[in-house]
Amino acid sequence: MEKEEKKFFQTFGKLSLSHKLSLLPIKNMETKKKLISEVVNKNLSVRQLEDLKAELKIPSERKVSLLGLLNDPEKLTSDDEMNKAFDF
């Protein structure tokens, strides 16, 4: 593995689960890498990350909230619901 890729994985590993969930819907890897670096370098909160995504006009593409899934366990275990939620 290249040195740069190892550094990226280490940086990604420093993120909280909430940060990772916020970044999950972003499909463009270069954009995702830049946002991950910003979060780690500037110690951004999830709210600040969401604000940064809004500034960059990156929509929050999640179709289902995590809380919504937890409140409805049938959706949480449904492959169809998960596919719709995360475009698998």
N, C-alpha and C. Protein backbone atom coordinates (compact mmCIF):
# COMPACT_ATOMS: atom_id res chain seq x y z
N MET A 1 0.85 -1.18 0.00
CA MET A 1 0.00 0.00 0.00
C MET A 1 0.89 1.24 0.00
N GLU A 2 0.51 2.23 -0.78
CA GLU A 2 1.30 3.44 -0.87
C GLU A 2 1.26 4.22 0.44
N LYS A 3 2.28 5.01 0.65
CA LYS A 3 2.40 5.80 1.87
C LYS A 3 1.20 6.73 2.06
N GLU A 4 0.77 7.38 0.98
CA GLU A 4 -0.36 8.31 1.05
C GLU A 4 -1.65 7.60 1.43
N GLU A 5 -1.87 6.41 0.89
CA GLU A 5 -3.08 5.65 1.22
C GLU A 5 -3.07 5.22 2.68
N LYS A 6 -1.92 4.82 3.20
CA LYS A 6 -1.83 4.44 4.61
C LYS A 6 -2.16 5.63 5.49
N LYS A 7 -1.66 6.80 5.12
CA LYS A 7 -1.93 8.01 5.90
C LYS A 7 -3.43 8.32 5.89
N PHE A 8 -4.07 8.15 4.73
CA PHE A 8 -5.51 8.41 4.62
C PHE A 8 -6.28 7.48 5.54
N PHE A 9 -5.97 6.19 5.54
CA PHE A 9 -6.68 5.24 6.39
C PHE A 9 -6.47 5.56 7.87
N GLN A 10 -5.29 6.00 8.24
CA GLN A 10 -5.04 6.39 9.62
C GLN A 10 -5.86 7.62 9.99
N THR A 11 -5.94 8.57 9.05
CA THR A 11 -6.73 9.77 9.28
C THR A 11 -8.20 9.42 9.42
N PHE A 12 -8.72 8.57 8.54
CA PHE A 12 -10.11 8.15 8.58
C PHE A 12 -10.42 7.46 9.91
N GLY A 13 -9.48 6.70 10.42
CA GLY A 13 -9.67 5.98 11.67
C GLY A 13 -9.82 6.89 12.88
N LYS A 14 -9.38 8.14 12.76
CA LYS A 14 -9.48 9.09 13.87
C LYS A 14 -10.88 9.69 14.00
N LEU A 15 -11.71 9.50 13.00
CA LEU A 15 -13.04 10.09 13.00
C LEU A 15 -13.99 9.34 13.92
N SER A 16 -14.94 10.07 14.49
CA SER A 16 -15.97 9.43 15.30
C SER A 16 -16.97 8.75 14.37
N LEU A 17 -17.77 7.87 14.93
CA LEU A 17 -18.80 7.19 14.16
C LEU A 17 -19.77 8.20 13.54
N SER A 18 -20.10 9.25 14.27
CA SER A 18 -21.02 10.27 13.75
C SER A 18 -20.44 10.98 12.53
N HIS A 19 -19.15 11.27 12.57
CA HIS A 19 -18.49 11.88 11.41
C HIS A 19 -18.55 10.93 10.22
N LYS A 20 -18.25 9.67 10.48
CA LYS A 20 -18.26 8.68 9.39
C LYS A 20 -19.65 8.54 8.77
N LEU A 21 -20.68 8.56 9.60
CA LEU A 21 -22.05 8.48 9.09
C LEU A 21 -22.39 9.70 8.25
N SER A 22 -21.91 10.86 8.65
CA SER A 22 -22.15 12.08 7.90
C SER A 22 -21.48 12.03 6.53
N LEU A 23 -20.33 11.36 6.47
CA LEU A 23 -19.57 11.27 5.22
C LEU A 23 -20.01 10.11 4.32
N LEU A 24 -20.73 9.17 4.88
CA LEU A 24 -21.12 7.96 4.16
C LEU A 24 -21.78 8.21 2.80
N PRO A 25 -22.71 9.13 2.69
CA PRO A 25 -23.39 9.30 1.40
C PRO A 25 -22.56 9.96 0.31
N ILE A 26 -21.43 10.54 0.64
CA ILE A 26 -20.61 11.23 -0.37
C ILE A 26 -19.92 10.21 -1.25
N LYS A 27 -20.24 10.25 -2.53
CA LYS A 27 -19.74 9.24 -3.46
C LYS A 27 -18.38 9.61 -4.06
N ASN A 28 -18.09 10.90 -4.20
CA ASN A 28 -16.84 11.35 -4.79
C ASN A 28 -15.71 11.19 -3.77
N MET A 29 -14.78 10.29 -4.06
CA MET A 29 -13.71 9.97 -3.09
C MET A 29 -12.78 11.14 -2.83
N GLU A 30 -12.49 11.95 -3.84
CA GLU A 30 -11.61 13.10 -3.63
C GLU A 30 -12.25 14.10 -2.68
N THR A 31 -13.54 14.35 -2.87
CA THR A 31 -14.27 15.24 -1.97
C THR A 31 -14.29 14.67 -0.56
N LYS A 32 -14.54 13.37 -0.46
CA LYS A 32 -14.58 12.72 0.85
C LYS A 32 -13.23 12.82 1.55
N LYS A 33 -12.15 12.59 0.82
CA LYS A 33 -10.80 12.68 1.41
C LYS A 33 -10.52 14.08 1.91
N LYS A 34 -10.91 15.09 1.13
CA LYS A 34 -10.68 16.48 1.54
C LYS A 34 -11.45 16.80 2.81
N LEU A 35 -12.70 16.36 2.88
CA LEU A 35 -13.50 16.62 4.07
C LEU A 35 -12.94 15.90 5.29
N ILE A 36 -12.49 14.67 5.11
CA ILE A 36 -11.89 13.92 6.22
C ILE A 36 -10.66 14.66 6.75
N SER A 37 -9.82 15.13 5.85
CA SER A 37 -8.63 15.88 6.26
C SER A 37 -9.00 17.15 7.02
N GLU A 38 -10.03 17.85 6.53
CA GLU A 38 -10.50 19.07 7.20
C GLU A 38 -10.98 18.77 8.62
N VAL A 39 -11.76 17.71 8.75
CA VAL A 39 -12.30 17.34 10.06
C VAL A 39 -11.17 17.06 11.04
N VAL A 40 -10.19 16.29 10.61
CA VAL A 40 -9.09 15.91 11.52
C VAL A 40 -8.17 17.10 11.78
N ASN A 41 -7.79 17.83 10.73
CA ASN A 41 -6.84 18.94 10.89
C ASN A 41 -7.41 20.09 11.72
N LYS A 42 -8.71 20.35 11.57
CA LYS A 42 -9.33 21.48 12.27
C LYS A 42 -10.19 21.05 13.45
N ASN A 43 -10.19 19.74 13.73
CA ASN A 43 -10.96 19.19 14.84
C ASN A 43 -12.42 19.65 14.79
N LEU A 44 -13.05 19.46 13.62
CA LEU A 44 -14.42 19.92 13.40
C LEU A 44 -15.42 18.99 14.07
N SER A 45 -16.47 19.59 14.60
CA SER A 45 -17.58 18.81 15.13
C SER A 45 -18.43 18.30 13.96
N VAL A 46 -19.36 17.42 14.25
CA VAL A 46 -20.25 16.92 13.20
C VAL A 46 -21.08 18.08 12.65
N ARG A 47 -21.54 18.96 13.52
CA ARG A 47 -22.31 20.13 13.09
C ARG A 47 -21.48 20.99 12.13
N GLN A 48 -20.21 21.21 12.47
CA GLN A 48 -19.33 22.00 11.60
C GLN A 48 -19.09 21.28 10.28
N LEU A 49 -19.00 19.96 10.31
CA LEU A 49 -18.86 19.19 9.08
C LEU A 49 -20.10 19.35 8.21
N GLU A 50 -21.27 19.27 8.81
CA GLU A 50 -22.52 19.47 8.06
C GLU A 50 -22.57 20.87 7.47
N ASP A 51 -22.14 21.87 8.23
CA ASP A 51 -22.09 23.25 7.72
C ASP A 51 -21.13 23.36 6.55
N LEU A 52 -19.98 22.71 6.66
CA LEU A 52 -18.99 22.73 5.58
C LEU A 52 -19.55 22.06 4.33
N LYS A 53 -20.24 20.94 4.50
CA LYS A 53 -20.88 20.28 3.37
C LYS A 53 -21.90 21.20 2.72
N ALA A 54 -22.65 21.94 3.53
CA ALA A 54 -23.64 22.88 2.99
C ALA A 54 -22.96 24.01 2.22
N GLU A 55 -21.85 24.54 2.77
CA GLU A 55 -21.10 25.59 2.09
C GLU A 55 -20.60 25.12 0.73
N LEU A 56 -20.15 23.87 0.68
CA LEU A 56 -19.63 23.30 -0.56
C LEU A 56 -20.74 22.76 -1.46
N LYS A 57 -21.98 22.96 -0.99
CA LYS A 57 -23.16 22.50 -1.72
C LYS A 57 -23.16 20.98 -1.93
N ILE A 58 -22.72 20.29 -0.89
CA ILE A 58 -22.76 18.83 -0.88
C ILE A 58 -24.00 18.44 -0.08
N PRO A 59 -25.01 17.92 -0.76
CA PRO A 59 -26.24 17.60 -0.04
C PRO A 59 -26.04 16.46 0.95
N SER A 60 -26.80 16.51 2.01
CA SER A 60 -26.84 15.40 2.94
C SER A 60 -27.79 14.39 2.32
N GLU A 61 -27.25 13.37 1.69
CA GLU A 61 -28.03 12.48 0.84
C GLU A 61 -28.68 11.33 1.59
N ARG A 62 -28.52 11.28 2.90
CA ARG A 62 -29.14 10.19 3.65
C ARG A 62 -30.64 10.27 3.50
N LYS A 63 -31.26 9.17 3.11
CA LYS A 63 -32.70 9.14 2.93
C LYS A 63 -33.41 8.65 4.19
N VAL A 64 -32.67 8.04 5.07
CA VAL A 64 -33.22 7.51 6.31
C VAL A 64 -32.26 7.90 7.43
N SER A 65 -32.81 8.38 8.53
CA SER A 65 -31.95 8.75 9.65
C SER A 65 -31.62 7.51 10.48
N LEU A 66 -30.51 7.56 11.15
CA LEU A 66 -30.12 6.46 12.02
C LEU A 66 -31.14 6.28 13.14
N LEU A 67 -31.61 7.39 13.70
CA LEU A 67 -32.62 7.31 14.75
C LEU A 67 -33.90 6.67 14.23
N GLY A 68 -34.28 7.02 12.99
CA GLY A 68 -35.46 6.42 12.39
C GLY A 68 -35.34 4.91 12.26
N LEU A 69 -34.16 4.44 11.89
CA LEU A 69 -33.94 3.00 11.77
C LEU A 69 -33.97 2.32 13.14
N LEU A 70 -33.37 2.97 14.13
CA LEU A 70 -33.34 2.38 15.47
C LEU A 70 -34.74 2.32 16.10
N ASN A 71 -35.57 3.29 15.76
CA ASN A 71 -36.94 3.30 16.30
C ASN A 71 -37.85 2.31 15.60
N ASP A 72 -37.44 1.82 14.44
CA ASP A 72 -38.25 0.86 13.70
C ASP A 72 -37.37 -0.33 13.34
N PRO A 73 -37.21 -1.29 14.26
CA PRO A 73 -36.28 -2.41 14.05
C PRO A 73 -36.54 -3.21 12.78
N GLU A 74 -37.79 -3.26 12.31
CA GLU A 74 -38.05 -4.00 11.08
C GLU A 74 -37.33 -3.36 9.89
N LYS A 75 -37.25 -2.03 9.87
CA LYS A 75 -36.52 -1.35 8.81
C LYS A 75 -35.02 -1.61 8.94
N LEU A 76 -34.56 -1.68 10.18
CA LEU A 76 -33.13 -1.89 10.43
C LEU A 76 -32.67 -3.24 9.89
N THR A 77 -33.53 -4.24 9.93
CA THR A 77 -33.14 -5.57 9.47
C THR A 77 -33.60 -5.86 8.05
N SER A 78 -34.26 -4.91 7.41
CA SER A 78 -34.78 -5.12 6.06
C SER A 78 -33.73 -4.73 5.03
N ASP A 79 -33.34 -5.68 4.18
CA ASP A 79 -32.38 -5.39 3.11
C ASP A 79 -32.92 -4.32 2.17
N ASP A 80 -34.21 -4.38 1.85
CA ASP A 80 -34.80 -3.39 0.95
C ASP A 80 -34.69 -1.98 1.51
N GLU A 81 -35.00 -1.82 2.79
CA GLU A 81 -34.92 -0.51 3.43
C GLU A 81 -33.47 0.00 3.47
N MET A 82 -32.53 -0.87 3.78
CA MET A 82 -31.13 -0.47 3.84
C MET A 82 -30.62 -0.10 2.44
N ASN A 83 -31.03 -0.85 1.43
CA ASN A 83 -30.64 -0.52 0.06
C ASN A 83 -31.17 0.84 -0.35
N LYS A 84 -32.42 1.12 0.00
CA LYS A 84 -32.99 2.44 -0.31
C LYS A 84 -32.27 3.54 0.44
N ALA A 85 -31.95 3.29 1.69
CA ALA A 85 -31.34 4.30 2.52
C ALA A 85 -29.95 4.67 2.07
N PHE A 86 -29.19 3.70 1.61
CA PHE A 86 -27.78 3.96 1.30
C PHE A 86 -27.42 3.68 -0.15
N ASP A 87 -28.38 3.51 -1.03
CA ASP A 87 -28.14 3.31 -2.46
C ASP A 87 -27.17 2.17 -2.75
N PHE A 88 -27.35 1.03 -2.12
CA PHE A 88 -26.50 -0.13 -2.38
C PHE A 88 -26.93 -0.80 -3.65
